[in-house]
C-alpha atoms as a PDB file:
ATOM      1  CA  MET A   1      -0.332  -4.078  11.812  1.00  0.00           C
ATOM      2  CA  ASP A   2       1.585  -7.044  10.615  1.00  0.00           C
ATOM      3  CA  THR A   3       2.674  -8.901   7.509  1.00  0.00           C
ATOM      4  CA  ILE A   4      -0.062 -11.403   6.685  1.00  0.00           C
ATOM      5  CA  SER A   5      -0.619 -13.725   3.734  1.00  0.00           C
ATOM      6  CA  ASN A   6      -4.113 -14.459   2.377  1.00  0.00           C
ATOM      7  CA  LYS A   7      -5.434 -16.516  -0.508  1.00  0.00           C
ATOM      8  CA  VAL A   8      -6.752 -14.805  -3.642  1.00  0.00           C
ATOM      9  CA  ASP A   9      -9.616 -16.578  -5.381  1.00  0.00           C
ATOM     10  CA  ALA A  10     -10.008 -17.027  -9.143  1.00  0.00           C
ATOM     11  CA  LYS A  11     -12.097 -13.831  -9.410  1.00  0.00           C
ATOM     12  CA  GLY A  12      -9.443 -11.709  -7.647  1.00  0.00           C
ATOM     13  CA  ARG A  13     -11.176 -11.512  -4.264  1.00  0.00           C
ATOM     14  CA  VAL A  14      -9.001 -11.372  -1.162  1.00  0.00           C
ATOM     15  CA  SER A  15      -9.880 -10.973   2.508  1.00  0.00           C
ATOM     16  CA  LEU A  16      -8.483  -7.963   4.255  1.00  0.00           C
ATOM     17  CA  PRO A  17      -6.655  -9.283   7.359  1.00  0.00           C
ATOM     18  CA  ALA A  18      -8.442  -8.700  10.675  1.00  0.00           C
ATOM     19  CA  ASP A  19      -5.760  -6.252  11.903  1.00  0.00           C
ATOM     20  CA  TYR A  20      -6.329  -4.161   8.784  1.00  0.00           C
ATOM     21  CA  ARG A  21     -10.120  -4.316   9.077  1.00  0.00           C
ATOM     22  CA  ALA A  22      -9.775  -2.780  12.540  1.00  0.00           C
ATOM     23  CA  ILE A  23      -8.434   0.462  11.027  1.00  0.00           C
ATOM     24  CA  VAL A  24     -11.323   0.554   8.566  1.00  0.00           C
ATOM     25  CA  LYS A  25     -13.717   0.415  11.560  1.00  0.00           C
ATOM     26  CA  ASP A  26     -16.603  -1.143   9.682  1.00  0.00           C
ATOM     27  CA  LEU A  27     -17.138  -2.947   6.417  1.00  0.00           C
ATOM     28  CA  SER A  28     -19.388  -0.187   5.063  1.00  0.00           C
ATOM     29  CA  SER A  29     -16.181   1.782   4.437  1.00  0.00           C
ATOM     30  CA  GLU A  30     -14.101   1.390   1.324  1.00  0.00           C
ATOM     31  CA  ILE A  31     -10.408   0.900   0.747  1.00  0.00           C
ATOM     32  CA  VAL A  32      -8.628   2.898  -1.942  1.00  0.00           C
ATOM     33  CA  CYS A  33      -5.956   1.054  -3.913  1.00  0.00           C
ATOM     34  CA  TYR A  34      -3.554   2.067  -6.670  1.00  0.00           C
ATOM     35  CA  ARG A  35      -0.406   0.744  -8.318  1.00  0.00           C
ATOM     36  CA  SER A  36       2.784   1.631  -6.470  1.00  0.00           C
ATOM     37  CA  LEU A  37       4.803   4.272  -8.286  1.00  0.00           C
ATOM     38  CA  SER A  38       8.118   2.498  -7.780  1.00  0.00           C
ATOM     39  CA  LEU A  39       7.503  -1.075  -6.655  1.00  0.00           C
ATOM     40  CA  PRO A  40       5.679  -4.127  -8.041  1.00  0.00           C
ATOM     41  CA  CYS A  41       2.924  -3.958  -5.425  1.00  0.00           C
ATOM     42  CA  ILE A  42      -0.454  -2.411  -4.683  1.00  0.00           C
ATOM     43  CA  GLU A  43      -0.739   0.540  -2.286  1.00  0.00           C
ATOM     44  CA  GLY A  44      -3.882   0.633  -0.147  1.00  0.00           C
ATOM     45  CA  CYS A  45      -5.312   3.148   2.291  1.00  0.00           C
ATOM     46  CA  LEU A  46      -8.471   4.826   3.499  1.00  0.00           C
ATOM     47  CA  GLU A  47      -9.992   7.738   1.592  1.00  0.00           C
ATOM     48  CA  GLU A  48      -8.899  10.184   4.318  1.00  0.00           C
ATOM     49  CA  THR A  49      -5.254   9.127   3.892  1.00  0.00           C
ATOM     50  CA  LEU A  50      -5.519   9.720   0.153  1.00  0.00           C
ATOM     51  CA  ASP A  51      -7.001  13.167   0.873  1.00  0.00           C
ATOM     52  CA  LYS A  52      -4.028  13.970   3.112  1.00  0.00           C
ATOM     53  CA  LEU A  53      -1.662  12.845   0.352  1.00  0.00           C
ATOM     54  CA  ALA A  54      -3.418  15.197  -2.086  1.00  0.00           C
ATOM     55  CA  SER A  55      -2.964  18.094   0.351  1.00  0.00           C
ATOM     56  CA  ASP A  56       0.694  17.223   0.904  1.00  0.00           C
ATOM     57  CA  ILE A  57       1.371  17.129  -2.839  1.00  0.00           C
ATOM     58  CA  GLU A  58      -0.383  20.468  -3.347  1.00  0.00           C
ATOM     59  CA  THR A  59       1.562  22.198  -0.574  1.00  0.00           C
ATOM     60  CA  SER A  60       4.964  20.715  -1.413  1.00  0.00           C
ATOM     61  CA  THR A  61       4.962  21.258  -5.196  1.00  0.00           C
ATOM     62  CA  ASP A  62       4.088  24.084  -7.551  1.00  0.00           C
ATOM     63  CA  PHE A  63       0.439  23.663  -8.515  1.00  0.00           C
ATOM     64  CA  PHE A  64       1.220  23.805 -12.251  1.00  0.00           C
ATOM     65  CA  SER A  65       4.508  21.900 -12.129  1.00  0.00           C
ATOM     66  CA  GLU A  66       5.254  18.806 -14.143  1.00  0.00           C
ATOM     67  CA  THR A  67       6.135  17.021 -10.896  1.00  0.00           C
ATOM     68  CA  GLN A  68       2.679  17.646  -9.479  1.00  0.00           C
ATOM     69  CA  ASP A  69       1.022  16.653 -12.745  1.00  0.00           C
ATOM     70  CA  ASN A  70       2.982  13.411 -12.846  1.00  0.00           C
ATOM     71  CA  LEU A  71       2.280  12.479  -9.237  1.00  0.00           C
ATOM     72  CA  THR A  72      -1.405  13.273  -9.371  1.00  0.00           C
ATOM     73  CA  ASN A  73      -1.858  11.499 -12.709  1.00  0.00           C
ATOM     74  CA  LEU A  74      -0.125   8.350 -11.510  1.00  0.00           C
ATOM     75  CA  ILE A  75      -1.733   8.187  -8.072  1.00  0.00           C
ATOM     76  CA  PHE A  76      -5.180   9.728  -8.381  1.00  0.00           C
ATOM     77  CA  GLY A  77      -5.692   8.747 -12.005  1.00  0.00           C
ATOM     78  CA  ASP A  78      -5.078   5.164 -10.954  1.00  0.00           C
ATOM     79  CA  ALA A  79      -6.769   5.064  -7.521  1.00  0.00           C
ATOM     80  CA  LYS A  80      -9.984   3.100  -7.245  1.00  0.00           C
ATOM     81  CA  ARG A  81     -12.360   2.544  -4.330  1.00  0.00           C
ATOM     82  CA  PHE A  82     -12.941  -1.063  -3.366  1.00  0.00           C
ATOM     83  CA  PRO A  83     -15.996  -1.864  -1.233  1.00  0.00           C
ATOM     84  CA  PHE A  84     -16.077  -4.905   1.037  1.00  0.00           C
ATOM     85  CA  ASP A  85     -18.391  -7.815   0.422  1.00  0.00           C
ATOM     86  CA  SER A  86     -20.330  -9.375   3.323  1.00  0.00           C
ATOM     87  CA  THR A  87     -17.332 -11.530   4.302  1.00  0.00           C
ATOM     88  CA  GLY A  88     -14.760  -8.709   4.399  1.00  0.00           C
ATOM     89  CA  ARG A  89     -13.231  -9.357   0.986  1.00  0.00           C
ATOM     90  CA  ILE A  90     -12.360  -6.861  -1.722  1.00  0.00           C
ATOM     91  CA  LEU A  91     -12.327  -7.633  -5.433  1.00  0.00           C
ATOM     92  CA  LEU A  92      -9.031  -6.349  -6.828  1.00  0.00           C
ATOM     93  CA  SER A  93      -8.957  -5.276 -10.466  1.00  0.00           C
ATOM     94  CA  GLU A  94      -7.021  -7.204 -13.099  1.00  0.00           C
ATOM     95  CA  LYS A  95      -4.822  -4.124 -13.641  1.00  0.00           C
ATOM     96  CA  LEU A  96      -3.727  -4.097  -9.991  1.00  0.00           C
ATOM     97  CA  LEU A  97      -3.212  -7.860  -9.811  1.00  0.00           C
ATOM     98  CA  LYS A  98      -1.135  -7.806 -12.993  1.00  0.00           C
ATOM     99  CA  HIS A  99       1.029  -4.900 -11.772  1.00  0.00           C
ATOM    100  CA  ALA A 100       1.768  -6.720  -8.493  1.00  0.00           C
ATOM    101  CA  GLN A 101       2.096 -10.122 -10.199  1.00  0.00           C
ATOM    102  CA  ILE A 102      -0.446 -11.561  -7.766  1.00  0.00           C
ATOM    103  CA  THR A 103      -2.217 -14.779  -8.702  1.00  0.00           C
ATOM    104  CA  THR A 104      -3.282 -17.105  -5.871  1.00  0.00           C
ATOM    105  CA  GLU A 105      -1.790 -15.509  -2.756  1.00  0.00           C
ATOM    106  CA  ALA A 106      -1.253 -11.957  -1.521  1.00  0.00           C
ATOM    107  CA  VAL A 107       0.939 -10.638   1.274  1.00  0.00           C
ATOM    108  CA  PHE A 108      -0.349  -7.605   3.165  1.00  0.00           C
ATOM    109  CA  VAL A 109       2.397  -5.396   4.603  1.00  0.00           C
ATOM    110  CA  GLY A 110       1.408  -2.755   7.155  1.00  0.00           C
ATOM    111  CA  LYS A 111       2.888   0.729   6.729  1.00  0.00           C
ATOM    112  CA  GLY A 112       1.170   2.850   9.370  1.00  0.00           C
ATOM    113  CA  ARG A 113      -1.861   4.545   7.806  1.00  0.00           C
ATOM    114  CA  LYS A 114      -1.453   2.613   4.593  1.00  0.00           C
ATOM    115  CA  PHE A 115      -0.492  -0.872   3.503  1.00  0.00           C
ATOM    116  CA  GLN A 116       0.932  -2.697   0.536  1.00  0.00           C
ATOM    117  CA  ILE A 117      -0.212  -5.897  -1.148  1.00  0.00           C
ATOM    118  CA  TRP A 118       2.552  -8.044  -2.663  1.00  0.00           C
ATOM    119  CA  ASN A 119       3.169 -11.251  -4.538  1.00  0.00           C
ATOM    120  CA  PRO A 120       4.749 -13.441  -1.783  1.00  0.00           C
ATOM    121  CA  GLU A 121       7.974 -14.136  -3.708  1.00  0.00           C
ATOM    122  CA  ASN A 122       8.437 -10.469  -4.616  1.00  0.00           C
ATOM    123  CA  TRP A 123       7.838  -9.432  -0.994  1.00  0.00           C
ATOM    124  CA  GLU A 124      10.404 -11.950   0.241  1.00  0.00           C
ATOM    125  CA  LYS A 125      13.016 -10.415  -2.087  1.00  0.00           C
ATOM    126  CA  GLU A 126      12.025  -6.850  -1.162  1.00  0.00           C
ATOM    127  CA  GLU A 127      12.096  -7.591   2.555  1.00  0.00           C
ATOM    128  CA  ALA A 128      15.604  -9.101   2.217  1.00  0.00           C
ATOM    129  CA  ARG A 129      16.734  -5.990   0.291  1.00  0.00           C
ATOM    130  CA  ILE A 130      15.261  -3.660   2.930  1.00  0.00           C
ATOM    131  CA  ARG A 131      16.872  -5.594   5.787  1.00  0.00           C
ATOM    132  CA  ALA A 132      20.281  -5.579   4.088  1.00  0.00           C
ATOM    133  CA  GLU A 133      19.989  -1.827   3.438  1.00  0.00           C
ATOM    134  CA  ALA A 134      18.917  -1.157   7.033  1.00  0.00           C
ATOM    135  CA  LEU A 135      21.852  -3.120   8.414  1.00  0.00           C
ATOM    136  CA  LYS A 136      24.281  -1.378   6.096  1.00  0.00           C
ATOM    137  CA  ASN A 137      22.990   2.087   6.996  1.00  0.00           C
ATOM    138  CA  ARG A 138      22.150   1.399  10.635  1.00  0.00           C
ATOM    139  CA  PRO A 139      22.794   4.592  12.567  1.00  0.00           C
ATOM    140  CA  SER A 140      24.988   4.330  15.611  1.00  0.00           C
ATOM    141  CA  LEU A 141      23.217   5.212  18.818  1.00  0.00           C
ATOM    142  CA  GLN A 142      24.960   7.685  21.083  1.00  0.00           C
ATOM    143  CA  PRO A 143      23.795   9.402  24.241  1.00  0.00           C
ATOM    144  CA  LYS A 144      22.241  12.744  23.339  1.00  0.00           C
ATOM    145  CA  GLU A 145      24.899  14.841  25.107  1.00  0.00           C
ATOM    146  CA  GLU A 146      27.751  13.243  23.106  1.00  0.00           C
ATOM    147  CA  ARG A 147      26.409  14.320  19.696  1.00  0.00           C
END
């Protein structure tokens, strides 16, 4: 995957970059998107990734805990399936676009089995923050036997 910028039309339609479409396999699939819990962006993934997340939450938290309730409400209560049109675009909801402050352009950021969609200016700031943090906390590399 990569970091790719695409135009968003007046109706909120955006093309999924070709590298991202490859993981979907075919345009009869759907992408699931929801508002990020902690960042001003949209989280996107396939249904199977969302299913794995549900399993992980169930096994790592008490089924009746407030933590599990909060996570499942915020993620699954917000998640929506987005089908592709004939040209490989998805129509993002106003709620998602508003949360991510996306108007005319969207930046897709690959994250393994999922991706994020950002306002370009917000992504630029976030990427700078991440790079600064990585440099500050960069682990020193030592040969295995010296550890």
